[in-house]
Amino acid sequence: QQYMLVQAIAMAQDMLISGRAERVVVVAGDNASGETLLPWLGSGFRALGAATTKAAVEDAALPFDKRRSGMLLGAGGIGMVLETELSCLERRKNCANNF
């Protein structure tokens, strides 16, 4: 699962390079705190000393605080638009003409 985003970006790049697309939207998400990934990722972060050791979220979620004790694992998502240079230049030209 964790390599699906990388695979999606590689497929988008292939589509752009081969000329099958001028623009590709890639959207992906992951839940590191879910039942499947938490045992694997959590143990790795704990072994590195990067995961919080606090039991309660309110004690752990203290960014930029001296009392923080590591990071919280959670869910995340990303969306990106990849395009050819020509597509980008055309889009900019069209946008500039509208103002």
C-alpha atoms as a PDB file:
ATOM      1  CA  GLN A   1       0.000   0.000   0.000  1.00  0.00           C
ATOM      2  CA  GLN A   2       2.697   2.479   0.905  1.00  0.00           C
ATOM      3  CA  TYR A   3       4.187   2.313  -2.589  1.00  0.00           C
ATOM      4  CA  MET A   4       0.916   3.036  -4.383  1.00  0.00           C
ATOM      5  CA  LEU A   5       1.626   6.771  -4.512  1.00  0.00           C
ATOM      6  CA  VAL A   6       5.081   6.163  -5.980  1.00  0.00           C
ATOM      7  CA  GLN A   7       3.558   3.797  -8.533  1.00  0.00           C
ATOM      8  CA  ALA A   8       0.848   6.337  -9.402  1.00  0.00           C
ATOM      9  CA  ILE A   9       3.441   9.083  -9.931  1.00  0.00           C
ATOM     10  CA  ALA A  10       5.535   6.762 -12.109  1.00  0.00           C
ATOM     11  CA  MET A  11       2.464   5.891 -14.194  1.00  0.00           C
ATOM     12  CA  ALA A  12       1.622   9.592 -14.561  1.00  0.00           C
ATOM     13  CA  GLN A  13       5.183  10.335 -15.642  1.00  0.00           C
ATOM     14  CA  ASP A  14       4.986   7.555 -18.225  1.00  0.00           C
ATOM     15  CA  MET A  15       1.724   8.979 -19.568  1.00  0.00           C
ATOM     16  CA  LEU A  16       3.276  12.447 -19.858  1.00  0.00           C
ATOM     17  CA  ILE A  17       6.535  11.299 -21.459  1.00  0.00           C
ATOM     18  CA  SER A  18       4.808   8.997 -23.950  1.00  0.00           C
ATOM     19  CA  GLY A  19       2.414  11.768 -25.010  1.00  0.00           C
ATOM     20  CA  ARG A  20      -0.728   9.946 -23.862  1.00  0.00           C
ATOM     21  CA  ALA A  21      -1.600  12.899 -21.618  1.00  0.00           C
ATOM     22  CA  GLU A  22      -0.691  16.550 -21.189  1.00  0.00           C
ATOM     23  CA  ARG A  23      -1.870  16.730 -17.590  1.00  0.00           C
ATOM     24  CA  VAL A  24      -2.478  14.042 -14.944  1.00  0.00           C
ATOM     25  CA  VAL A  25      -4.106  14.325 -11.509  1.00  0.00           C
ATOM     26  CA  VAL A  26      -2.677  11.975  -8.864  1.00  0.00           C
ATOM     27  CA  VAL A  27      -4.527  11.538  -5.568  1.00  0.00           C
ATOM     28  CA  ALA A  28      -3.492   9.145  -2.776  1.00  0.00           C
ATOM     29  CA  GLY A  29      -3.974   8.591   0.923  1.00  0.00           C
ATOM     30  CA  ASP A  30      -2.804   6.357   3.703  1.00  0.00           C
ATOM     31  CA  ASN A  31      -3.761   5.610   7.277  1.00  0.00           C
ATOM     32  CA  ALA A  32      -0.616   4.864   9.264  1.00  0.00           C
ATOM     33  CA  SER A  33      -2.652   4.545  12.464  1.00  0.00           C
ATOM     34  CA  GLY A  34      -5.010   1.889  11.086  1.00  0.00           C
ATOM     35  CA  GLU A  35      -5.093  -1.755  12.145  1.00  0.00           C
ATOM     36  CA  THR A  36      -2.985  -2.931   9.232  1.00  0.00           C
ATOM     37  CA  LEU A  37      -0.119  -0.436   9.207  1.00  0.00           C
ATOM     38  CA  LEU A  38       0.197   0.652  12.842  1.00  0.00           C
ATOM     39  CA  PRO A  39       1.932  -2.521  14.081  1.00  0.00           C
ATOM     40  CA  TRP A  40       4.519  -2.250  11.297  1.00  0.00           C
ATOM     41  CA  LEU A  41       5.068   1.488  11.155  1.00  0.00           C
ATOM     42  CA  GLY A  42       4.539   2.079  14.865  1.00  0.00           C
ATOM     43  CA  SER A  43       7.224  -0.395  15.897  1.00  0.00           C
ATOM     44  CA  GLY A  44       9.667   1.188  13.444  1.00  0.00           C
ATOM     45  CA  PHE A  45       9.031   4.711  14.708  1.00  0.00           C
ATOM     46  CA  ARG A  46       9.256   3.510  18.319  1.00  0.00           C
ATOM     47  CA  ALA A  47      12.549   1.704  17.604  1.00  0.00           C
ATOM     48  CA  LEU A  48      13.966   4.937  16.173  1.00  0.00           C
ATOM     49  CA  GLY A  49      12.712   6.924  19.160  1.00  0.00           C
ATOM     50  CA  ALA A  50      10.568   9.051  16.866  1.00  0.00           C
ATOM     51  CA  ALA A  51       7.091   8.033  18.098  1.00  0.00           C
ATOM     52  CA  THR A  52       5.575   9.546  21.212  1.00  0.00           C
ATOM     53  CA  THR A  53       5.661   7.568  24.424  1.00  0.00           C
ATOM     54  CA  LYS A  54       2.599   9.324  25.883  1.00  0.00           C
ATOM     55  CA  ALA A  55      -0.650   7.372  26.260  1.00  0.00           C
ATOM     56  CA  ALA A  56      -3.036  10.320  25.877  1.00  0.00           C
ATOM     57  CA  VAL A  57      -3.214  12.401  22.695  1.00  0.00           C
ATOM     58  CA  GLU A  58      -3.539  15.646  24.662  1.00  0.00           C
ATOM     59  CA  ASP A  59      -0.202  14.877  26.349  1.00  0.00           C
ATOM     60  CA  ALA A  60       1.484  13.956  23.083  1.00  0.00           C
ATOM     61  CA  ALA A  61       0.197  16.575  20.651  1.00  0.00           C
ATOM     62  CA  LEU A  62       2.489  19.383  21.763  1.00  0.00           C
ATOM     63  CA  PRO A  63       4.339  20.655  18.696  1.00  0.00           C
ATOM     64  CA  PHE A  64       7.151  23.111  19.392  1.00  0.00           C
ATOM     65  CA  ASP A  65       6.788  22.443  23.137  1.00  0.00           C
ATOM     66  CA  LYS A  66       9.621  21.337  25.438  1.00  0.00           C
ATOM     67  CA  ARG A  67       7.323  18.599  26.805  1.00  0.00           C
ATOM     68  CA  ARG A  68       6.815  16.877  23.449  1.00  0.00           C
ATOM     69  CA  SER A  69       8.081  13.322  23.282  1.00  0.00           C
ATOM     70  CA  GLY A  70       7.885  12.376  19.613  1.00  0.00           C
ATOM     71  CA  MET A  71       5.388  12.348  16.800  1.00  0.00           C
ATOM     72  CA  LEU A  72       1.880  10.963  16.475  1.00  0.00           C
ATOM     73  CA  LEU A  73       1.173   8.587  13.613  1.00  0.00           C
ATOM     74  CA  GLY A  74      -2.030   9.278  11.748  1.00  0.00           C
ATOM     75  CA  ALA A  75      -3.651   9.488   8.357  1.00  0.00           C
ATOM     76  CA  GLY A  76      -2.703  11.687   5.453  1.00  0.00           C
ATOM     77  CA  GLY A  77      -3.493  12.404   1.870  1.00  0.00           C
ATOM     78  CA  ILE A  78      -2.055  14.189  -1.118  1.00  0.00           C
ATOM     79  CA  GLY A  79      -3.275  15.454  -4.433  1.00  0.00           C
ATOM     80  CA  MET A  80      -1.059  16.781  -7.191  1.00  0.00           C
ATOM     81  CA  VAL A  81      -1.304  17.816 -10.799  1.00  0.00           C
ATOM     82  CA  LEU A  82       1.578  16.785 -13.034  1.00  0.00           C
ATOM     83  CA  GLU A  83       1.854  18.234 -16.512  1.00  0.00           C
ATOM     84  CA  THR A  84       4.199  18.628 -19.431  1.00  0.00           C
ATOM     85  CA  GLU A  85       6.241  21.782 -19.772  1.00  0.00           C
ATOM     86  CA  LEU A  86       4.323  22.710 -22.920  1.00  0.00           C
ATOM     87  CA  SER A  87       1.007  22.278 -21.099  1.00  0.00           C
ATOM     88  CA  CYS A  88       2.258  24.496 -18.291  1.00  0.00           C
ATOM     89  CA  LEU A  89       3.389  27.204 -20.698  1.00  0.00           C
ATOM     90  CA  GLU A  90       0.059  27.076 -22.571  1.00  0.00           C
ATOM     91  CA  ARG A  91      -1.899  27.284 -19.319  1.00  0.00           C
ATOM     92  CA  ARG A  92       0.125  30.288 -18.179  1.00  0.00           C
ATOM     93  CA  LYS A  93      -0.355  32.006 -21.530  1.00  0.00           C
ATOM     94  CA  ASN A  94      -4.112  31.406 -21.414  1.00  0.00           C
ATOM     95  CA  CYS A  95      -4.333  32.629 -17.820  1.00  0.00           C
ATOM     96  CA  ALA A  96      -2.349  35.771 -18.637  1.00  0.00           C
ATOM     97  CA  ASN A  97      -4.721  36.591 -21.498  1.00  0.00           C
ATOM     98  CA  ASN A  98      -7.724  36.489 -19.170  1.00  0.00           C
ATOM     99  CA  PHE A  99      -6.556  39.393 -17.015  1.00  0.00           C
END
